[in-house]
Amino acid sequence: MIKRLFFALPGPRPVQIVLAAAILTVALVALMFVYDWMGNNLLDSGGTIS
């Protein structure tokens, strides 16, 4: 599946590599922000029980 997505990117091979790296970077940064939001808003903060 990932191989098909990579070959579906436009342009010659060097352009495909740069596009794939950029897409992967954006996806990882977005995932980091989602995990950070979940940790701050949905999960236990680890504080004391009152």
Protein backbone atom coordinates (compact mmCIF):
# COMPACT_ATOMS: atom_id res chain seq x y z
CA MET A 1 0.00 0.00 0.00
CA ILE A 2 2.75 2.48 0.91
CA LYS A 3 4.65 1.56 -2.24
CA ARG A 4 1.57 2.34 -4.36
CA LEU A 5 1.12 5.68 -2.58
CA PHE A 6 4.78 6.55 -3.17
CA PHE A 7 4.60 5.71 -6.88
CA ALA A 8 1.38 7.76 -7.17
CA LEU A 9 3.23 10.93 -6.19
CA PRO A 10 3.83 13.28 -9.14
CA GLY A 11 7.19 13.99 -10.73
CA PRO A 12 10.47 12.16 -11.22
CA ARG A 13 12.02 10.00 -8.49
CA PRO A 14 13.97 12.80 -6.66
CA VAL A 15 10.78 14.90 -6.47
CA GLN A 16 8.83 11.90 -5.19
CA ILE A 17 11.42 11.36 -2.44
CA VAL A 18 11.27 15.01 -1.36
CA LEU A 19 7.45 14.99 -1.39
CA ALA A 20 7.32 11.75 0.60
CA ALA A 21 9.73 13.16 3.20
CA ALA A 22 7.70 16.37 3.48
CA ILE A 23 4.40 14.48 3.83
CA LEU A 24 5.91 12.18 6.45
CA THR A 25 7.29 15.15 8.42
CA VAL A 26 3.92 16.93 8.39
CA ALA A 27 2.13 13.73 9.45
CA LEU A 28 4.53 13.14 12.36
CA VAL A 29 4.23 16.74 13.57
CA ALA A 30 0.43 16.53 13.39
CA LEU A 31 0.52 13.24 15.31
CA MET A 32 2.72 14.86 17.98
CA PHE A 33 0.21 17.70 18.40
CA VAL A 34 -2.69 15.24 18.63
CA TYR A 35 -0.89 13.22 21.31
CA ASP A 36 -0.01 16.39 23.19
CA TRP A 37 -3.63 17.57 23.07
CA MET A 38 -4.88 14.17 24.23
CA GLY A 39 -2.38 14.15 27.08
CA ASN A 40 -3.41 17.61 28.26
CA ASN A 41 -7.18 17.30 27.84
CA LEU A 42 -8.26 13.69 27.96
CA LEU A 43 -5.80 11.78 30.11
CA ASP A 44 -5.10 11.95 33.82
CA SER A 45 -2.65 14.70 34.73
CA GLY A 46 -1.05 12.54 37.43
CA GLY A 47 -1.75 15.10 40.14
CA THR A 48 -2.80 14.42 43.70
CA ILE A 49 -6.26 13.18 44.53
CA SER A 50 -8.32 15.77 46.35
